[in-house]
Amino acid sequence: MGVLNVTPDSFFDGGRYLEHDRAIERGRAMFADGADLVDVGGESTRPGATPVGEAEELRRVLPVIEALAPLGPISVDTTKPAVARAAVAAGAVLLNDVSGSPWPVAAECGVGWVAMHRQGTPADMQRDPRYDDVVAEVHAHLAGLLAAARSAGVAEVWLDPGIGFGKTVAHNLALLAHVRELVALAQDGGAGVLVGTSNKGFLGVVAAGGGEPLGPSDRAEATLASNTWAMAQGVDMVRVHDVVAALQAARLVGTPERQRG
């Protein structure tokens, strides 16, 4: 899943693809590089991000989705039902929802849905995230979302542990260490697992080895390592800014079936 942020304030590439022509060019390039799906988002969900109005989010994403949909599968990264419906009408086939809420919209529109775990909101989620058992709590929450989506009639569901969304460095590492358990949960429910670590802050902390945390532009190697680990554990899809590197890693890791064989 290639990340296409049509925003001025996303943590990694904010503003780079805010103009429609540049965003469309970037989306075309990601498909050419081998992305299976391009994820278009018009509202940043980084820690501390300011919410965007519905009209502005629609203005940002709809022309991009309409232009890219003929080239390959498009997902829309949104929490707003109206934006989700309009995106599907423009050609999106998957709702990537960080709030874990609009599965009824996915059922209504007959498209897939990403069920993600998040503690808090972008405004406050990284202030003081706490869990008694982060792995058990996240997995239980996702199992509940999967059941709700299935009951509503959603045929395609992806489970996302929400790396970086209301989690400390230790929480993120624990979820990655136990991601094979999430894969088993998803397989039992006929779902897939999506993991997004690309260039996130916890990677900069870990890769620095106790020194000053690495900035977003210096986290490529840690991103590749985390994606390779996730794929080797059976994760079905990774959400990335660098499609070429992720695809090369996927070719080396192979399919989960081949790894288990």
Protein backbone atom coordinates (compact mmCIF):
# COMPACT_ATOMS: atom_id res chain seq x y z
CA MET A 1 0.00 0.00 0.00
CA GLY A 2 1.63 3.22 -1.19
CA VAL A 3 1.01 6.30 0.96
CA LEU A 4 -0.19 9.40 -0.88
CA ASN A 5 -0.74 12.33 1.48
CA VAL A 6 -2.60 15.20 -0.17
CA THR A 7 -1.96 17.37 2.88
CA PRO A 8 0.20 20.30 3.98
CA ASP A 9 1.07 18.85 7.40
CA SER A 10 1.69 15.09 7.30
CA PHE A 11 4.79 14.23 9.31
CA PHE A 12 6.87 12.77 6.46
CA ASP A 13 5.84 14.36 3.17
CA GLY A 14 3.42 17.09 4.20
CA GLY A 15 2.97 19.66 1.40
CA ARG A 16 4.95 17.70 -1.15
CA TYR A 17 1.84 16.43 -2.93
CA LEU A 18 -0.75 19.00 -1.90
CA GLU A 19 -1.21 20.16 -5.49
CA HIS A 20 -3.41 17.78 -7.45
CA ASP A 21 -1.08 17.44 -10.43
CA ARG A 22 1.85 16.48 -8.21
CA ALA A 23 -0.27 14.04 -6.22
CA ILE A 24 -1.53 12.35 -9.38
CA GLU A 25 2.01 12.12 -10.74
CA ARG A 26 3.17 10.55 -7.48
CA GLY A 27 0.31 8.05 -7.48
CA ARG A 28 1.10 7.01 -11.04
CA ALA A 29 4.74 6.54 -10.07
CA MET A 30 3.81 4.32 -7.13
CA PHE A 31 1.70 2.08 -9.34
CA ALA A 32 4.55 1.96 -11.84
CA ASP A 33 6.92 1.02 -9.00
CA GLY A 34 4.73 -1.96 -8.13
CA ALA A 35 2.26 -0.77 -5.49
CA ASP A 36 -0.73 -3.09 -5.22
CA LEU A 37 -2.85 -0.23 -3.92
CA VAL A 38 -2.45 3.52 -3.38
CA ASP A 39 -3.86 5.07 -0.20
CA VAL A 40 -5.05 8.68 -0.70
CA GLY A 41 -5.49 10.84 2.40
CA GLY A 42 -6.54 14.47 2.73
CA GLU A 43 -6.28 14.90 6.51
CA SER A 44 -3.11 14.33 8.50
CA THR A 45 -3.40 11.91 11.42
CA ARG A 46 0.05 12.59 12.87
CA PRO A 47 0.22 13.33 16.62
CA GLY A 48 -1.04 16.85 17.24
CA ALA A 49 -2.60 17.24 13.80
CA THR A 50 -5.36 19.81 13.30
CA PRO A 51 -8.68 18.43 12.00
CA VAL A 52 -9.72 19.33 8.45
CA GLY A 53 -13.22 20.30 7.40
CA GLU A 54 -15.24 17.96 5.23
CA ALA A 55 -15.37 20.28 2.23
CA GLU A 56 -11.61 20.83 2.24
CA GLU A 57 -10.87 17.13 2.58
CA LEU A 58 -13.15 16.40 -0.37
CA ARG A 59 -11.48 19.11 -2.42
CA ARG A 60 -8.09 17.57 -1.75
CA VAL A 61 -8.79 13.91 -2.44
CA LEU A 62 -11.57 13.53 -5.01
CA PRO A 63 -9.71 14.76 -8.13
CA VAL A 64 -6.75 12.56 -7.20
CA ILE A 65 -8.88 9.46 -6.67
CA GLU A 66 -10.77 10.03 -9.92
CA ALA A 67 -7.50 10.33 -11.85
CA LEU A 68 -5.79 7.32 -10.28
CA ALA A 69 -8.68 4.84 -9.99
CA PRO A 70 -8.38 3.69 -13.65
CA LEU A 71 -4.75 2.72 -12.96
CA GLY A 72 -5.29 0.41 -10.00
CA PRO A 73 -7.01 -0.10 -6.64
CA ILE A 74 -7.38 3.04 -4.50
CA SER A 75 -8.08 3.29 -0.79
CA VAL A 76 -9.12 6.48 0.96
CA ASP A 77 -7.64 7.37 4.33
CA THR A 78 -10.51 9.13 6.09
CA THR A 79 -12.69 9.01 9.20
CA LYS A 80 -15.60 10.97 7.67
CA PRO A 81 -18.57 8.97 6.27
CA ALA A 82 -19.38 11.65 3.67
CA VAL A 83 -15.79 11.67 2.41
CA ALA A 84 -15.76 7.86 2.33
CA ARG A 85 -18.98 7.72 0.28
CA ALA A 86 -17.75 10.37 -2.17
CA ALA A 87 -14.39 8.62 -2.50
CA VAL A 88 -16.09 5.33 -3.35
CA ALA A 89 -18.21 7.11 -5.95
CA ALA A 90 -14.97 8.49 -7.40
CA GLY A 91 -13.44 5.00 -7.62
CA ALA A 92 -12.01 4.00 -4.21
CA VAL A 93 -12.42 0.34 -3.28
CA LEU A 94 -11.15 0.34 0.33
CA LEU A 95 -11.85 2.56 3.35
CA ASN A 96 -8.74 2.99 5.50
CA ASP A 97 -10.13 4.35 8.75
CA VAL A 98 -7.88 5.24 11.69
CA SER A 99 -10.84 5.77 14.03
CA GLY A 100 -12.17 2.21 13.73
CA SER A 101 -15.73 3.38 13.14
CA PRO A 102 -17.36 3.52 9.68
CA TRP A 103 -17.74 -0.17 8.84
CA PRO A 104 -21.45 0.52 8.14
CA VAL A 105 -20.32 2.79 5.28
CA ALA A 106 -18.12 0.03 3.87
CA ALA A 107 -21.09 -2.35 4.04
CA GLU A 108 -23.40 0.19 2.46
CA CYS A 109 -20.98 0.91 -0.39
CA GLY A 110 -19.88 -2.69 -0.91
CA VAL A 111 -16.17 -1.99 -0.41
CA GLY A 112 -13.39 -3.21 1.87
CA TRP A 113 -12.53 -1.73 5.25
CA VAL A 114 -9.36 -1.37 7.34
CA ALA A 115 -10.13 -1.75 11.04
CA MET A 116 -7.40 0.03 12.96
CA HIS A 117 -6.78 0.35 16.69
CA ARG A 118 -6.22 3.83 18.07
CA GLN A 119 -6.15 5.08 21.65
CA GLY A 120 -7.27 8.71 21.79
CA THR A 121 -7.27 11.13 18.85
CA PRO A 122 -4.43 12.72 16.87
CA ALA A 123 -4.69 15.73 19.18
CA ASP A 124 -3.92 13.76 22.35
CA MET A 125 -3.03 10.14 21.51
CA GLN A 126 0.68 10.44 22.27
CA ARG A 127 0.46 12.39 25.52
CA ASP A 128 0.41 9.42 27.89
CA PRO A 129 -0.79 6.16 26.29
CA ARG A 130 -1.29 3.35 28.81
CA TYR A 131 -2.32 -0.30 28.68
CA ASP A 132 -2.36 -3.19 31.12
CA ASP A 133 -1.45 -5.55 28.25
CA VAL A 134 -1.13 -3.75 24.92
CA VAL A 135 -1.05 -6.90 22.79
CA ALA A 136 -4.11 -8.48 24.41
CA GLU A 137 -6.08 -5.22 24.44
CA VAL A 138 -5.33 -4.31 20.83
CA HIS A 139 -6.09 -7.82 19.59
CA ALA A 140 -9.37 -7.95 21.54
CA HIS A 141 -10.42 -4.57 20.14
CA LEU A 142 -9.66 -5.64 16.58
CA ALA A 143 -11.50 -8.91 17.06
CA GLY A 144 -14.55 -6.91 18.11
CA LEU A 145 -14.30 -4.65 15.06
CA LEU A 146 -13.94 -7.66 12.79
CA ALA A 147 -17.07 -9.24 14.25
CA ALA A 148 -19.02 -6.00 13.91
CA ALA A 149 -17.94 -5.54 10.30
CA ARG A 150 -18.82 -9.10 9.41
CA SER A 151 -22.25 -8.72 11.04
CA ALA A 152 -22.82 -5.59 8.94
CA GLY A 153 -21.93 -7.49 5.77
CA VAL A 154 -18.43 -6.21 5.02
CA ALA A 155 -16.76 -8.91 2.93
CA GLU A 156 -13.17 -7.58 2.90
CA VAL A 157 -11.65 -6.64 6.27
CA TRP A 158 -8.06 -5.76 7.17
CA LEU A 159 -6.83 -5.60 10.76
CA ASP A 160 -4.28 -2.90 11.59
CA PRO A 161 -2.73 -2.72 15.10
CA GLY A 162 -2.27 1.04 14.71
CA ILE A 163 1.47 1.39 15.22
CA GLY A 164 2.13 4.88 16.57
CA PHE A 165 -1.51 5.68 17.28
CA GLY A 166 -1.67 6.03 21.04
CA LYS A 167 1.35 3.83 21.72
CA THR A 168 4.78 4.30 23.26
CA VAL A 169 7.94 2.90 21.70
CA ALA A 170 7.63 -0.16 23.94
CA HIS A 171 3.98 -0.66 22.95
CA ASN A 172 4.87 -0.51 19.24
CA LEU A 173 7.70 -3.00 19.64
CA ALA A 174 5.49 -5.39 21.62
CA LEU A 175 2.83 -5.31 18.90
CA LEU A 176 5.42 -6.04 16.24
CA ALA A 177 6.97 -8.81 18.31
CA HIS A 178 3.56 -10.49 18.61
CA VAL A 179 2.20 -9.68 15.17
CA ARG A 180 2.08 -13.36 14.22
CA GLU A 181 -0.69 -13.73 16.82
CA LEU A 182 -2.66 -11.01 15.05
CA VAL A 183 -2.08 -12.81 11.76
CA ALA A 184 -3.60 -15.96 13.29
CA LEU A 185 -6.59 -13.98 14.58
CA ALA A 186 -7.15 -12.47 11.15
CA GLN A 187 -6.85 -15.80 9.37
CA ASP A 188 -9.43 -17.37 11.69
CA GLY A 189 -11.83 -14.58 10.72
CA GLY A 190 -11.04 -14.58 7.01
CA ALA A 191 -9.35 -11.16 7.22
CA GLY A 192 -5.93 -9.79 6.31
CA VAL A 193 -3.38 -7.89 8.39
CA LEU A 194 -2.08 -4.44 7.44
CA VAL A 195 0.88 -2.87 9.27
CA GLY A 196 2.10 0.70 8.86
CA THR A 197 5.46 1.59 10.39
CA SER A 198 6.84 3.70 7.55
CA ASN A 199 9.21 6.40 8.86
CA LYS A 200 7.36 6.68 12.19
CA GLY A 201 8.90 8.25 15.26
CA PHE A 202 9.48 5.09 17.30
CA LEU A 203 11.83 3.85 14.55
CA GLY A 204 13.94 6.96 14.97
CA VAL A 205 14.21 6.30 18.69
CA VAL A 206 15.18 2.64 18.34
CA ALA A 207 17.58 3.17 15.43
CA ALA A 208 19.41 5.93 17.30
CA GLY A 209 20.55 3.44 19.93
CA GLY A 210 20.13 5.83 22.84
CA GLY A 211 21.32 8.92 21.01
CA GLU A 212 19.30 11.76 19.55
CA PRO A 213 16.28 10.23 17.76
CA LEU A 214 16.58 10.17 13.99
CA GLY A 215 14.38 12.52 12.01
CA PRO A 216 11.77 11.33 9.50
CA SER A 217 14.14 11.56 6.52
CA ASP A 218 16.70 9.30 8.27
CA ARG A 219 14.41 6.36 9.09
CA ALA A 220 14.47 4.52 5.75
CA GLU A 221 16.66 1.64 6.93
CA ALA A 222 14.61 1.13 10.10
CA THR A 223 11.43 1.26 8.03
CA LEU A 224 12.72 -1.45 5.72
CA ALA A 225 13.78 -3.61 8.67
CA SER A 226 10.38 -3.34 10.34
CA ASN A 227 8.53 -4.05 7.09
CA THR A 228 10.70 -7.10 6.40
CA TRP A 229 10.05 -8.40 9.92
CA ALA A 230 6.30 -7.91 9.53
CA MET A 231 6.17 -9.68 6.18
CA ALA A 232 8.27 -12.57 7.49
CA GLN A 233 5.69 -13.00 10.28
CA GLY A 234 2.90 -13.38 7.74
CA VAL A 235 1.56 -9.83 7.51
CA ASP A 236 -0.35 -9.49 4.24
CA MET A 237 0.20 -5.82 3.44
CA VAL A 238 2.53 -3.02 4.55
CA ARG A 239 1.73 0.67 4.21
CA VAL A 240 4.81 2.49 2.91
CA HIS A 241 6.16 5.71 1.45
CA ASP A 242 8.92 3.89 -0.47
CA VAL A 243 7.24 1.28 -2.65
CA VAL A 244 10.42 0.12 -4.40
CA ALA A 245 12.24 -0.82 -1.19
CA ALA A 246 9.20 -2.60 0.26
CA LEU A 247 8.63 -4.56 -2.93
CA GLN A 248 12.25 -5.72 -3.03
CA ALA A 249 11.94 -6.87 0.58
CA ALA A 250 8.70 -8.69 -0.24
CA ARG A 251 10.39 -10.55 -3.08
CA LEU A 252 13.18 -11.68 -0.77
CA VAL A 253 10.86 -12.67 2.07
CA GLY A 254 8.44 -14.45 -0.23
CA THR A 255 4.83 -15.25 0.45
CA PRO A 256 3.71 -16.28 3.94
CA GLU A 257 2.78 -19.69 2.53
CA ARG A 258 6.30 -20.25 1.26
CA GLN A 259 7.77 -19.17 4.58
CA ARG A 260 5.61 -21.63 6.49
CA GLY A 261 6.49 -24.38 4.02
